[in-house]
N, C-alpha and C. Protein backbone atom coordinates (compact mmCIF):
# COMPACT_ATOMS: atom_id res chain seq x y z
N MET A 1 9.83 -15.87 -93.25
CA MET A 1 9.66 -14.47 -92.91
C MET A 1 8.73 -14.41 -91.71
N ALA A 2 9.09 -13.59 -90.69
CA ALA A 2 8.26 -13.45 -89.48
C ALA A 2 7.03 -12.63 -89.77
N GLU A 3 5.92 -13.06 -89.13
CA GLU A 3 4.67 -12.28 -89.32
C GLU A 3 4.66 -11.07 -88.41
N ILE A 4 4.14 -10.01 -88.95
CA ILE A 4 4.00 -8.73 -88.21
C ILE A 4 2.53 -8.59 -87.86
N LYS A 5 2.26 -8.68 -86.52
CA LYS A 5 0.88 -8.58 -86.07
C LYS A 5 0.47 -7.09 -86.00
N ILE A 6 -0.66 -6.81 -86.57
CA ILE A 6 -1.18 -5.42 -86.56
C ILE A 6 -2.47 -5.45 -85.69
N GLU A 7 -2.42 -4.70 -84.60
CA GLU A 7 -3.59 -4.63 -83.71
C GLU A 7 -4.60 -3.64 -84.25
N LYS A 8 -5.83 -4.06 -84.31
CA LYS A 8 -6.86 -3.12 -84.76
C LYS A 8 -7.23 -2.13 -83.68
N LYS A 9 -7.33 -0.91 -84.07
CA LYS A 9 -7.72 0.15 -83.09
C LYS A 9 -9.21 0.01 -82.75
N SER A 10 -9.47 0.23 -81.47
CA SER A 10 -10.88 0.23 -81.06
C SER A 10 -11.60 1.39 -81.70
N PRO A 11 -12.82 1.20 -82.15
CA PRO A 11 -13.56 2.30 -82.77
C PRO A 11 -13.85 3.41 -81.76
N ILE A 12 -13.77 4.65 -82.23
CA ILE A 12 -13.93 5.82 -81.34
C ILE A 12 -15.37 6.25 -81.18
N TRP A 13 -16.28 5.80 -82.10
CA TRP A 13 -17.65 6.30 -82.04
C TRP A 13 -18.40 5.93 -80.76
N PRO A 14 -18.15 4.79 -80.10
CA PRO A 14 -18.86 4.57 -78.81
C PRO A 14 -18.57 5.63 -77.76
N TRP A 15 -17.28 6.10 -77.77
CA TRP A 15 -16.92 7.17 -76.82
C TRP A 15 -17.63 8.47 -77.14
N ILE A 16 -17.73 8.72 -78.44
CA ILE A 16 -18.43 9.93 -78.85
C ILE A 16 -19.92 9.90 -78.41
N LEU A 17 -20.52 8.75 -78.59
CA LEU A 17 -21.91 8.60 -78.15
C LEU A 17 -22.07 8.77 -76.66
N LEU A 18 -21.07 8.23 -75.91
CA LEU A 18 -21.09 8.31 -74.44
C LEU A 18 -21.06 9.78 -73.98
N VAL A 19 -20.13 10.53 -74.61
CA VAL A 19 -19.96 11.94 -74.27
C VAL A 19 -21.26 12.72 -74.56
N ILE A 20 -21.84 12.42 -75.75
CA ILE A 20 -23.08 13.09 -76.11
C ILE A 20 -24.21 12.77 -75.12
N ALA A 21 -24.24 11.51 -74.70
CA ALA A 21 -25.28 11.07 -73.75
C ALA A 21 -25.10 11.83 -72.40
N VAL A 22 -23.86 11.91 -71.94
CA VAL A 22 -23.61 12.61 -70.66
C VAL A 22 -24.02 14.05 -70.73
N ILE A 23 -23.64 14.72 -71.88
CA ILE A 23 -23.99 16.12 -72.06
C ILE A 23 -25.53 16.29 -72.07
N ALA A 24 -26.20 15.36 -72.74
CA ALA A 24 -27.69 15.44 -72.82
C ALA A 24 -28.30 15.31 -71.46
N ILE A 25 -27.78 14.39 -70.64
CA ILE A 25 -28.31 14.16 -69.28
C ILE A 25 -28.11 15.43 -68.43
N VAL A 26 -26.90 15.99 -68.48
CA VAL A 26 -26.61 17.19 -67.71
C VAL A 26 -27.53 18.33 -68.12
N ALA A 27 -27.65 18.51 -69.45
CA ALA A 27 -28.50 19.58 -69.99
C ALA A 27 -29.95 19.40 -69.56
N TYR A 28 -30.43 18.15 -69.52
CA TYR A 28 -31.80 17.86 -69.11
C TYR A 28 -32.05 18.30 -67.68
N PHE A 29 -31.14 17.94 -66.76
CA PHE A 29 -31.34 18.28 -65.36
C PHE A 29 -31.23 19.81 -65.13
N VAL A 30 -30.31 20.44 -65.82
CA VAL A 30 -30.17 21.91 -65.68
C VAL A 30 -31.43 22.59 -66.17
N TYR A 31 -31.95 22.18 -67.29
CA TYR A 31 -33.14 22.77 -67.88
C TYR A 31 -34.36 22.60 -66.97
N ASN A 32 -34.53 21.37 -66.43
CA ASN A 32 -35.67 21.12 -65.57
C ASN A 32 -35.57 21.90 -64.25
N SER A 33 -34.33 22.05 -63.76
CA SER A 33 -34.14 22.82 -62.54
C SER A 33 -34.56 24.25 -62.74
N ASP A 34 -34.19 24.86 -63.87
CA ASP A 34 -34.60 26.22 -64.17
C ASP A 34 -36.11 26.35 -64.29
N ASN A 35 -36.74 25.36 -64.92
CA ASN A 35 -38.18 25.39 -65.09
C ASN A 35 -38.90 25.30 -63.74
N ASP A 36 -38.37 24.45 -62.83
CA ASP A 36 -38.98 24.31 -61.50
C ASP A 36 -38.91 25.64 -60.76
N ASP A 37 -37.75 26.33 -60.85
CA ASP A 37 -37.63 27.62 -60.17
C ASP A 37 -38.61 28.61 -60.72
N ASP A 38 -38.76 28.62 -62.05
CA ASP A 38 -39.69 29.56 -62.67
C ASP A 38 -41.10 29.25 -62.26
N THR A 39 -41.44 27.96 -62.18
CA THR A 39 -42.80 27.59 -61.80
C THR A 39 -43.12 28.03 -60.40
N ILE A 40 -42.16 27.77 -59.46
CA ILE A 40 -42.36 28.21 -58.10
C ILE A 40 -42.51 29.70 -58.00
N TYR A 41 -41.68 30.42 -58.73
CA TYR A 41 -41.75 31.89 -58.74
C TYR A 41 -43.11 32.38 -59.26
N ASP A 42 -43.53 31.76 -60.38
CA ASP A 42 -44.82 32.17 -60.97
C ASP A 42 -45.97 31.87 -60.05
N ASN A 43 -45.91 30.69 -59.38
CA ASN A 43 -47.00 30.34 -58.46
C ASN A 43 -47.03 31.28 -57.30
N ASP A 44 -45.85 31.64 -56.77
CA ASP A 44 -45.81 32.59 -55.65
C ASP A 44 -46.38 33.92 -56.04
N MET A 45 -46.03 34.39 -57.23
CA MET A 45 -46.55 35.66 -57.72
C MET A 45 -48.03 35.60 -57.90
N ASN A 46 -48.53 34.47 -58.44
CA ASN A 46 -49.97 34.33 -58.65
C ASN A 46 -50.73 34.31 -57.32
N ASP A 47 -50.13 33.63 -56.33
CA ASP A 47 -50.75 33.58 -55.02
C ASP A 47 -50.82 34.97 -54.41
N GLU A 48 -49.72 35.73 -54.60
CA GLU A 48 -49.67 37.07 -54.05
C GLU A 48 -50.74 37.95 -54.71
N ARG A 49 -50.84 37.82 -56.06
CA ARG A 49 -51.83 38.63 -56.76
C ARG A 49 -53.27 38.24 -56.31
N MET A 50 -53.46 36.96 -56.05
CA MET A 50 -54.78 36.52 -55.60
C MET A 50 -55.07 37.07 -54.20
N ASP A 51 -54.02 37.12 -53.34
CA ASP A 51 -54.24 37.57 -51.98
C ASP A 51 -54.46 39.07 -51.92
N THR A 52 -53.76 39.83 -52.80
CA THR A 52 -53.80 41.28 -52.66
C THR A 52 -54.66 41.96 -53.68
N ASN A 53 -54.98 41.30 -54.79
CA ASN A 53 -55.68 41.99 -55.89
C ASN A 53 -57.11 41.53 -56.12
N SER A 54 -57.54 40.48 -55.44
CA SER A 54 -58.89 40.00 -55.71
C SER A 54 -59.56 39.59 -54.45
N ASN A 55 -60.28 40.52 -53.81
CA ASN A 55 -61.00 40.27 -52.61
C ASN A 55 -62.47 40.53 -52.78
N THR A 56 -63.30 39.56 -52.50
CA THR A 56 -64.70 39.73 -52.62
C THR A 56 -65.32 39.80 -51.22
N TYR A 57 -66.11 40.80 -50.98
CA TYR A 57 -66.66 41.01 -49.65
C TYR A 57 -68.11 40.63 -49.58
N GLU A 58 -68.67 40.63 -48.36
CA GLU A 58 -70.01 40.16 -48.10
C GLU A 58 -71.05 40.89 -48.94
N ASP A 59 -70.85 42.20 -49.17
CA ASP A 59 -71.86 42.95 -49.89
C ASP A 59 -71.69 42.85 -51.40
N GLY A 60 -70.78 41.96 -51.84
CA GLY A 60 -70.62 41.78 -53.28
C GLY A 60 -69.57 42.68 -53.89
N TYR A 61 -69.04 43.64 -53.11
CA TYR A 61 -68.04 44.53 -53.67
C TYR A 61 -66.72 43.78 -53.83
N GLN A 62 -66.11 43.96 -54.97
CA GLN A 62 -64.86 43.26 -55.26
C GLN A 62 -63.75 44.29 -55.45
N SER A 63 -62.69 44.08 -54.70
CA SER A 63 -61.53 44.97 -54.81
C SER A 63 -60.45 44.34 -55.68
N THR A 64 -59.88 45.16 -56.58
CA THR A 64 -58.72 44.71 -57.37
C THR A 64 -57.56 45.61 -57.06
N ALA A 65 -57.39 45.96 -55.82
CA ALA A 65 -56.38 46.91 -55.44
C ALA A 65 -54.99 46.36 -55.60
N PRO A 66 -54.06 47.12 -56.16
CA PRO A 66 -52.66 46.70 -56.26
C PRO A 66 -52.03 46.69 -54.90
N TYR A 67 -50.94 45.96 -54.76
CA TYR A 67 -50.26 45.90 -53.48
C TYR A 67 -49.64 47.25 -53.16
N THR A 68 -50.00 47.84 -52.03
CA THR A 68 -49.41 49.10 -51.57
C THR A 68 -49.13 48.96 -50.08
N SER A 69 -48.53 49.98 -49.49
CA SER A 69 -48.19 49.91 -48.07
C SER A 69 -49.44 49.93 -47.23
N SER A 70 -50.58 50.38 -47.78
CA SER A 70 -51.81 50.41 -46.99
C SER A 70 -52.65 49.15 -47.15
N THR A 71 -52.19 48.22 -48.00
CA THR A 71 -52.97 47.03 -48.25
C THR A 71 -53.20 46.21 -46.98
N SER A 72 -52.14 46.02 -46.18
CA SER A 72 -52.27 45.24 -44.95
C SER A 72 -53.22 45.94 -43.98
N ALA A 73 -53.18 47.30 -43.96
CA ALA A 73 -54.03 48.04 -43.06
C ALA A 73 -55.50 47.89 -43.52
N ILE A 74 -55.70 47.87 -44.82
CA ILE A 74 -57.06 47.67 -45.34
C ILE A 74 -57.60 46.30 -44.95
N GLN A 75 -56.75 45.29 -45.03
CA GLN A 75 -57.16 43.94 -44.65
C GLN A 75 -57.48 43.87 -43.17
N GLU A 76 -56.66 44.57 -42.37
CA GLU A 76 -56.91 44.59 -40.94
C GLU A 76 -58.25 45.26 -40.66
N PHE A 77 -58.55 46.31 -41.36
CA PHE A 77 -59.85 46.97 -41.21
C PHE A 77 -60.97 46.02 -41.62
N GLU A 78 -60.80 45.35 -42.78
CA GLU A 78 -61.80 44.41 -43.26
C GLU A 78 -62.10 43.34 -42.19
N ASN A 79 -61.04 42.85 -41.58
CA ASN A 79 -61.22 41.80 -40.57
C ASN A 79 -61.98 42.32 -39.36
N SER A 80 -61.85 43.60 -39.08
CA SER A 80 -62.49 44.18 -37.90
C SER A 80 -63.93 44.53 -38.09
N VAL A 81 -64.45 44.38 -39.30
CA VAL A 81 -65.88 44.68 -39.56
C VAL A 81 -66.60 43.49 -40.19
N THR A 82 -66.00 42.30 -40.08
CA THR A 82 -66.60 41.12 -40.70
C THR A 82 -67.93 40.76 -40.05
N ASP A 83 -68.04 40.95 -38.75
CA ASP A 83 -69.27 40.62 -38.04
C ASP A 83 -70.08 41.91 -37.86
N SER A 84 -70.91 42.22 -38.84
CA SER A 84 -71.66 43.49 -38.84
C SER A 84 -72.64 43.57 -37.67
N THR A 85 -73.08 42.43 -37.14
CA THR A 85 -74.01 42.43 -36.03
C THR A 85 -73.39 43.01 -34.75
N ARG A 86 -72.10 43.03 -34.65
CA ARG A 86 -71.43 43.56 -33.45
C ARG A 86 -71.14 45.06 -33.58
N ILE A 87 -71.22 45.59 -34.78
CA ILE A 87 -71.03 47.02 -34.98
C ILE A 87 -72.14 47.79 -34.29
N GLY A 88 -71.77 48.64 -33.39
CA GLY A 88 -72.75 49.43 -32.66
C GLY A 88 -73.20 48.79 -31.35
N THR A 89 -73.28 47.47 -31.31
CA THR A 89 -73.73 46.80 -30.08
C THR A 89 -72.55 46.43 -29.18
N ASP A 90 -71.39 46.22 -29.75
CA ASP A 90 -70.18 45.87 -29.00
C ASP A 90 -69.23 47.05 -29.09
N SER A 91 -69.07 47.78 -27.97
CA SER A 91 -68.29 49.02 -27.99
C SER A 91 -66.83 48.77 -28.32
N THR A 92 -66.25 47.67 -27.80
CA THR A 92 -64.84 47.36 -28.07
C THR A 92 -64.64 47.02 -29.55
N TYR A 93 -65.57 46.24 -30.07
CA TYR A 93 -65.50 45.84 -31.49
C TYR A 93 -65.63 47.07 -32.38
N THR A 94 -66.54 47.97 -32.02
CA THR A 94 -66.77 49.17 -32.82
C THR A 94 -65.58 50.12 -32.71
N LYS A 95 -65.01 50.22 -31.52
CA LYS A 95 -63.84 51.08 -31.33
C LYS A 95 -62.66 50.55 -32.18
N THR A 96 -62.44 49.25 -32.17
CA THR A 96 -61.37 48.66 -32.98
C THR A 96 -61.55 48.97 -34.46
N ALA A 97 -62.79 48.87 -34.91
CA ALA A 97 -63.05 49.11 -36.34
C ALA A 97 -62.77 50.58 -36.71
N ILE A 98 -63.13 51.51 -35.86
CA ILE A 98 -62.93 52.93 -36.19
C ILE A 98 -61.45 53.28 -36.15
N ILE A 99 -60.72 52.65 -35.21
CA ILE A 99 -59.28 52.88 -35.14
C ILE A 99 -58.57 52.32 -36.39
N ASN A 100 -58.97 51.13 -36.82
CA ASN A 100 -58.38 50.55 -38.02
C ASN A 100 -58.71 51.36 -39.27
N LEU A 101 -59.89 51.89 -39.32
CA LEU A 101 -60.27 52.75 -40.45
C LEU A 101 -59.43 54.03 -40.43
N ALA A 102 -59.21 54.59 -39.25
CA ALA A 102 -58.36 55.77 -39.15
C ALA A 102 -56.95 55.48 -39.64
N LYS A 103 -56.47 54.28 -39.37
CA LYS A 103 -55.13 53.87 -39.80
C LYS A 103 -55.07 53.81 -41.34
N VAL A 104 -56.07 53.20 -41.95
CA VAL A 104 -56.13 53.10 -43.39
C VAL A 104 -56.09 54.46 -44.05
N VAL A 105 -56.92 55.37 -43.55
CA VAL A 105 -57.03 56.71 -44.15
C VAL A 105 -55.73 57.50 -43.97
N SER A 106 -55.14 57.42 -42.79
CA SER A 106 -53.91 58.15 -42.54
C SER A 106 -52.74 57.61 -43.41
N MET A 107 -52.71 56.30 -43.61
CA MET A 107 -51.66 55.69 -44.46
C MET A 107 -51.87 56.11 -45.92
N LYS A 108 -53.12 56.13 -46.35
CA LYS A 108 -53.40 56.55 -47.70
C LYS A 108 -53.00 58.03 -47.90
N ALA A 109 -53.27 58.83 -46.93
CA ALA A 109 -52.88 60.24 -47.01
C ALA A 109 -51.36 60.38 -47.10
N ASP A 110 -50.62 59.57 -46.34
CA ASP A 110 -49.16 59.63 -46.38
C ASP A 110 -48.65 59.15 -47.74
N GLU A 111 -49.27 58.14 -48.32
CA GLU A 111 -48.86 57.66 -49.63
C GLU A 111 -49.00 58.75 -50.68
N LEU A 112 -50.02 59.55 -50.56
CA LEU A 112 -50.29 60.61 -51.57
C LEU A 112 -49.73 61.96 -51.14
N ASN A 113 -48.90 61.94 -50.08
CA ASN A 113 -48.23 63.16 -49.61
C ASN A 113 -49.21 64.30 -49.34
N LEU A 114 -50.29 63.96 -48.64
CA LEU A 114 -51.28 64.98 -48.31
C LEU A 114 -50.68 65.98 -47.34
N GLN A 115 -51.05 67.24 -47.55
CA GLN A 115 -50.56 68.30 -46.67
C GLN A 115 -51.08 68.08 -45.24
N PRO A 116 -50.26 68.41 -44.26
CA PRO A 116 -50.71 68.21 -42.85
C PRO A 116 -51.97 69.00 -42.52
N SER A 117 -52.78 68.41 -41.67
CA SER A 117 -53.99 69.09 -41.20
C SER A 117 -54.30 68.53 -39.83
N ILE A 118 -55.13 69.27 -39.08
CA ILE A 118 -55.51 68.80 -37.75
C ILE A 118 -56.19 67.43 -37.81
N ALA A 119 -57.09 67.26 -38.78
CA ALA A 119 -57.81 65.98 -38.90
C ALA A 119 -56.84 64.84 -39.17
N LEU A 120 -55.85 65.07 -40.09
CA LEU A 120 -54.89 64.00 -40.39
C LEU A 120 -54.01 63.72 -39.22
N GLU A 121 -53.57 64.70 -38.48
CA GLU A 121 -52.74 64.48 -37.30
C GLU A 121 -53.54 63.70 -36.27
N ASN A 122 -54.80 63.96 -36.16
CA ASN A 122 -55.64 63.20 -35.19
C ASN A 122 -55.70 61.74 -35.60
N LEU A 123 -55.90 61.48 -36.87
CA LEU A 123 -55.97 60.10 -37.34
C LEU A 123 -54.65 59.36 -37.08
N ARG A 124 -53.54 60.06 -37.34
CA ARG A 124 -52.23 59.44 -37.09
C ARG A 124 -52.07 59.08 -35.62
N TYR A 125 -52.52 60.03 -34.78
CA TYR A 125 -52.43 59.82 -33.33
C TYR A 125 -53.25 58.63 -32.90
N TYR A 126 -54.48 58.55 -33.37
CA TYR A 126 -55.35 57.43 -32.98
C TYR A 126 -54.74 56.09 -33.47
N SER A 127 -54.32 56.06 -34.75
CA SER A 127 -53.84 54.79 -35.32
C SER A 127 -52.50 54.34 -34.77
N ASN A 128 -51.73 55.26 -34.23
CA ASN A 128 -50.41 54.90 -33.68
C ASN A 128 -50.45 54.54 -32.22
N ARG A 129 -51.60 54.70 -31.60
CA ARG A 129 -51.69 54.31 -30.19
C ARG A 129 -51.58 52.81 -30.09
N ARG A 130 -50.72 52.32 -29.25
CA ARG A 130 -50.45 50.86 -29.16
C ARG A 130 -51.71 50.10 -28.80
N ASP A 131 -52.49 50.60 -27.86
CA ASP A 131 -53.73 49.89 -27.43
C ASP A 131 -54.95 50.65 -27.87
N GLY A 132 -54.80 51.45 -28.90
CA GLY A 132 -55.98 52.21 -29.35
C GLY A 132 -56.18 53.44 -28.46
N MET A 133 -57.36 53.98 -28.51
CA MET A 133 -57.66 55.20 -27.74
C MET A 133 -58.13 54.84 -26.34
N THR A 134 -57.70 55.62 -25.39
CA THR A 134 -58.15 55.38 -24.01
C THR A 134 -59.56 55.95 -23.87
N ASN A 135 -60.19 55.66 -22.72
CA ASN A 135 -61.55 56.15 -22.51
C ASN A 135 -61.65 57.66 -22.55
N SER A 136 -60.58 58.34 -22.06
CA SER A 136 -60.60 59.80 -22.06
C SER A 136 -60.49 60.35 -23.47
N GLU A 137 -59.82 59.61 -24.33
CA GLU A 137 -59.67 60.03 -25.72
C GLU A 137 -60.86 59.68 -26.57
N LEU A 138 -61.52 58.61 -26.21
CA LEU A 138 -62.73 58.16 -26.88
C LEU A 138 -63.74 57.80 -25.80
N PRO A 139 -64.42 58.78 -25.24
CA PRO A 139 -65.26 58.58 -24.04
C PRO A 139 -66.29 57.47 -24.21
N GLU A 140 -66.51 56.74 -23.13
CA GLU A 140 -67.52 55.68 -23.12
C GLU A 140 -68.38 55.86 -21.89
N SER A 141 -69.65 55.54 -22.02
CA SER A 141 -70.56 55.47 -20.89
C SER A 141 -71.50 54.32 -21.18
N SER A 142 -71.40 53.28 -20.39
CA SER A 142 -72.11 52.02 -20.64
C SER A 142 -71.85 51.58 -22.07
N ASP A 143 -72.88 51.51 -22.93
CA ASP A 143 -72.70 51.05 -24.28
C ASP A 143 -72.56 52.22 -25.27
N VAL A 144 -72.44 53.43 -24.73
CA VAL A 144 -72.30 54.58 -25.61
C VAL A 144 -70.84 54.80 -25.94
N ILE A 145 -70.49 54.81 -27.18
CA ILE A 145 -69.10 55.02 -27.60
C ILE A 145 -69.05 56.29 -28.45
N ASN A 146 -68.23 57.21 -28.06
CA ASN A 146 -68.12 58.50 -28.74
C ASN A 146 -67.05 58.44 -29.79
N PHE A 147 -67.38 58.13 -31.01
CA PHE A 147 -66.40 58.14 -32.10
C PHE A 147 -66.80 59.10 -33.22
N LYS A 148 -67.75 59.99 -32.93
CA LYS A 148 -68.19 60.92 -33.94
C LYS A 148 -67.04 61.84 -34.39
N THR A 149 -66.23 62.29 -33.41
CA THR A 149 -65.09 63.13 -33.77
C THR A 149 -64.16 62.40 -34.70
N VAL A 150 -63.89 61.13 -34.40
CA VAL A 150 -63.01 60.33 -35.24
C VAL A 150 -63.59 60.16 -36.61
N SER A 151 -64.88 59.87 -36.69
CA SER A 151 -65.53 59.67 -38.00
C SER A 151 -65.51 60.99 -38.80
N ASN A 152 -65.66 62.11 -38.11
CA ASN A 152 -65.61 63.39 -38.82
C ASN A 152 -64.21 63.65 -39.37
N ASP A 153 -63.16 63.28 -38.58
CA ASP A 153 -61.78 63.45 -39.07
C ASP A 153 -61.56 62.55 -40.26
N ILE A 154 -62.07 61.34 -40.23
CA ILE A 154 -61.92 60.40 -41.34
C ILE A 154 -62.53 60.99 -42.60
N VAL A 155 -63.75 61.49 -42.45
CA VAL A 155 -64.43 62.06 -43.62
C VAL A 155 -63.67 63.28 -44.14
N ALA A 156 -63.16 64.11 -43.25
CA ALA A 156 -62.45 65.32 -43.66
C ALA A 156 -61.22 64.98 -44.48
N VAL A 157 -60.45 63.98 -44.05
CA VAL A 157 -59.24 63.60 -44.78
C VAL A 157 -59.61 62.95 -46.12
N LEU A 158 -60.59 62.03 -46.08
CA LEU A 158 -61.04 61.39 -47.31
C LEU A 158 -61.55 62.42 -48.35
N GLU A 159 -62.21 63.46 -47.85
CA GLU A 159 -62.74 64.48 -48.76
C GLU A 159 -61.61 65.22 -49.46
N ILE A 160 -60.52 65.49 -48.73
CA ILE A 160 -59.39 66.18 -49.36
C ILE A 160 -58.72 65.25 -50.36
N LEU A 161 -58.56 63.97 -49.99
CA LEU A 161 -57.98 63.00 -50.93
C LEU A 161 -58.81 62.90 -52.20
N GLN A 162 -60.14 62.88 -52.02
CA GLN A 162 -61.03 62.77 -53.17
C GLN A 162 -60.89 64.00 -54.07
N THR A 163 -60.85 65.19 -53.49
CA THR A 163 -60.74 66.41 -54.25
C THR A 163 -59.45 66.47 -55.01
N ASN A 164 -58.36 66.02 -54.38
CA ASN A 164 -57.03 66.11 -55.01
C ASN A 164 -56.77 65.00 -56.05
N SER A 165 -57.28 63.80 -55.79
CA SER A 165 -56.87 62.67 -56.60
C SER A 165 -57.96 61.80 -57.15
N TYR A 166 -59.18 61.90 -56.61
CA TYR A 166 -60.24 61.00 -57.00
C TYR A 166 -61.54 61.74 -57.32
N PRO A 167 -61.58 62.52 -58.36
CA PRO A 167 -62.77 63.32 -58.67
C PRO A 167 -64.01 62.48 -58.89
N SER A 168 -63.86 61.25 -59.33
CA SER A 168 -65.01 60.40 -59.62
C SER A 168 -65.71 59.92 -58.36
N LEU A 169 -65.08 60.09 -57.19
CA LEU A 169 -65.65 59.62 -55.94
C LEU A 169 -66.41 60.71 -55.19
N GLN A 170 -66.73 61.77 -55.84
CA GLN A 170 -67.37 62.91 -55.17
C GLN A 170 -68.71 62.49 -54.53
N ASP A 171 -69.53 61.76 -55.27
CA ASP A 171 -70.84 61.35 -54.73
C ASP A 171 -70.68 60.41 -53.55
N GLU A 172 -69.69 59.48 -53.63
CA GLU A 172 -69.47 58.54 -52.51
C GLU A 172 -69.07 59.29 -51.24
N ILE A 173 -68.20 60.28 -51.41
CA ILE A 173 -67.74 61.05 -50.25
C ILE A 173 -68.91 61.86 -49.67
N ALA A 174 -69.75 62.40 -50.54
CA ALA A 174 -70.91 63.16 -50.07
C ALA A 174 -71.86 62.27 -49.24
N GLU A 175 -72.05 61.05 -49.71
CA GLU A 175 -72.93 60.10 -48.99
C GLU A 175 -72.31 59.72 -47.64
N LEU A 176 -70.99 59.52 -47.63
CA LEU A 176 -70.32 59.15 -46.39
C LEU A 176 -70.40 60.31 -45.41
N LYS A 177 -70.22 61.52 -45.85
CA LYS A 177 -70.27 62.69 -44.99
C LYS A 177 -71.70 62.85 -44.43
N GLN A 178 -72.67 62.61 -45.24
CA GLN A 178 -74.07 62.70 -44.80
C GLN A 178 -74.35 61.68 -43.71
N THR A 179 -73.83 60.47 -43.89
CA THR A 179 -74.04 59.41 -42.86
C THR A 179 -73.34 59.76 -41.59
N SER A 180 -72.12 60.29 -41.70
CA SER A 180 -71.35 60.67 -40.50
C SER A 180 -72.10 61.74 -39.68
N ASN A 181 -72.70 62.68 -40.39
CA ASN A 181 -73.42 63.75 -39.74
C ASN A 181 -74.63 63.25 -38.95
N LYS A 182 -75.12 62.09 -39.28
CA LYS A 182 -76.28 61.52 -38.59
C LYS A 182 -75.93 60.87 -37.24
N ILE A 183 -74.65 60.56 -37.08
CA ILE A 183 -74.22 59.91 -35.83
C ILE A 183 -74.30 60.91 -34.69
N ASP A 184 -74.90 60.50 -33.62
CA ASP A 184 -75.14 61.37 -32.48
C ASP A 184 -74.52 60.80 -31.21
N ASN A 185 -73.58 61.54 -30.62
CA ASN A 185 -72.89 61.04 -29.44
C ASN A 185 -73.80 60.92 -28.23
N SER A 186 -74.90 61.63 -28.24
CA SER A 186 -75.79 61.61 -27.08
C SER A 186 -76.74 60.40 -27.11
N ILE A 187 -76.69 59.65 -28.18
CA ILE A 187 -77.56 58.47 -28.31
C ILE A 187 -76.73 57.20 -28.26
N ALA A 188 -77.19 56.22 -27.52
CA ALA A 188 -76.48 54.95 -27.44
C ALA A 188 -76.32 54.35 -28.83
N THR A 189 -75.14 53.78 -29.07
CA THR A 189 -74.85 53.26 -30.40
C THR A 189 -75.77 52.12 -30.82
N LYS A 190 -76.28 51.38 -29.83
CA LYS A 190 -77.17 50.29 -30.18
C LYS A 190 -78.51 50.81 -30.75
N GLU A 191 -78.79 52.09 -30.44
CA GLU A 191 -80.01 52.69 -30.94
C GLU A 191 -79.82 53.35 -32.30
N GLN A 192 -78.56 53.43 -32.75
CA GLN A 192 -78.24 53.98 -34.07
C GLN A 192 -77.33 53.03 -34.82
N GLN A 193 -77.51 51.75 -34.53
CA GLN A 193 -76.64 50.74 -35.11
C GLN A 193 -76.69 50.76 -36.65
N SER A 194 -77.86 50.91 -37.21
CA SER A 194 -77.99 50.94 -38.67
C SER A 194 -77.15 52.04 -39.31
N THR A 195 -77.18 53.21 -38.70
CA THR A 195 -76.43 54.35 -39.22
C THR A 195 -74.93 54.10 -39.15
N ILE A 196 -74.49 53.54 -38.06
CA ILE A 196 -73.07 53.23 -37.87
C ILE A 196 -72.60 52.14 -38.82
N GLN A 197 -73.45 51.14 -38.99
CA GLN A 197 -73.12 50.08 -39.97
C GLN A 197 -73.02 50.67 -41.39
N THR A 198 -73.93 51.57 -41.72
CA THR A 198 -73.89 52.22 -43.04
C THR A 198 -72.63 53.03 -43.20
N PHE A 199 -72.21 53.72 -42.12
CA PHE A 199 -70.98 54.52 -42.19
C PHE A 199 -69.80 53.63 -42.58
N PHE A 200 -69.65 52.50 -41.88
CA PHE A 200 -68.53 51.62 -42.16
C PHE A 200 -68.62 51.00 -43.56
N THR A 201 -69.79 50.68 -43.99
CA THR A 201 -69.99 50.12 -45.34
C THR A 201 -69.56 51.13 -46.43
N LYS A 202 -69.99 52.35 -46.26
CA LYS A 202 -69.65 53.38 -47.26
C LYS A 202 -68.17 53.75 -47.18
N ALA A 203 -67.62 53.82 -45.97
CA ALA A 203 -66.19 54.11 -45.82
C ALA A 203 -65.33 53.04 -46.43
N ARG A 204 -65.76 51.78 -46.24
CA ARG A 204 -65.00 50.66 -46.81
C ARG A 204 -64.98 50.74 -48.34
N LYS A 205 -66.11 51.07 -48.91
CA LYS A 205 -66.20 51.19 -50.37
C LYS A 205 -65.31 52.31 -50.90
N VAL A 206 -65.27 53.40 -50.19
CA VAL A 206 -64.44 54.57 -50.61
C VAL A 206 -62.97 54.20 -50.57
N VAL A 207 -62.50 53.64 -49.45
CA VAL A 207 -61.09 53.35 -49.35
C VAL A 207 -60.63 52.28 -50.32
N ASN A 208 -61.52 51.33 -50.62
CA ASN A 208 -61.17 50.33 -51.60
C ASN A 208 -61.16 50.92 -53.01
N ASN A 209 -62.07 51.81 -53.30
CA ASN A 209 -62.07 52.49 -54.61
C ASN A 209 -60.82 53.35 -54.78
N MET A 210 -60.31 53.86 -53.70
CA MET A 210 -59.11 54.66 -53.77
C MET A 210 -57.86 53.81 -53.98
N ASN A 211 -58.00 52.50 -53.83
CA ASN A 211 -56.88 51.59 -54.05
C ASN A 211 -57.09 50.70 -55.27
N THR A 212 -58.06 51.06 -56.09
CA THR A 212 -58.32 50.29 -57.30
C THR A 212 -57.31 50.68 -58.40
């Protein structure tokens, strides 16, 4: 009688293990890719929060202002008053600082939909000038820089903002107004440097408190 050869079937479990291994590898790379994206996103968000929400200044004041359309303007203003020794003694430096402050206040007024006023329109005009204010708009004579009108407009708009939206800042606005009233256009700024420096310090504190 002839023998009938029966071939043994190859076991299927190695193939099953191979498929499972491939699936596990694919799942591993997909999972890690998602985690990397999340990590990058979280780090970017943390960096942004650090840049916009936590700024410590020379006088120890710390701002935790949320990101708003005026945030970049506030930073520009901060940058223009970093060297306090030049405030009052350097007319160009002082002029730049007052223009940047006008920009901050006018943008804040726009954010809060403040009703139009002459003071606000003046601030918008100053801050929108490409090269700032000309000598005829902000008169100069040697080291004398006439920005009392601009500072008065700034105080006027900030006072309305405080009355409408920031009742707790009443004392700060009163102090700022008092300082502004002390500025005298007939006196060289270098002779009233302390008063002008105080004006910028108090104004900076007010605008940052309005963005807290």
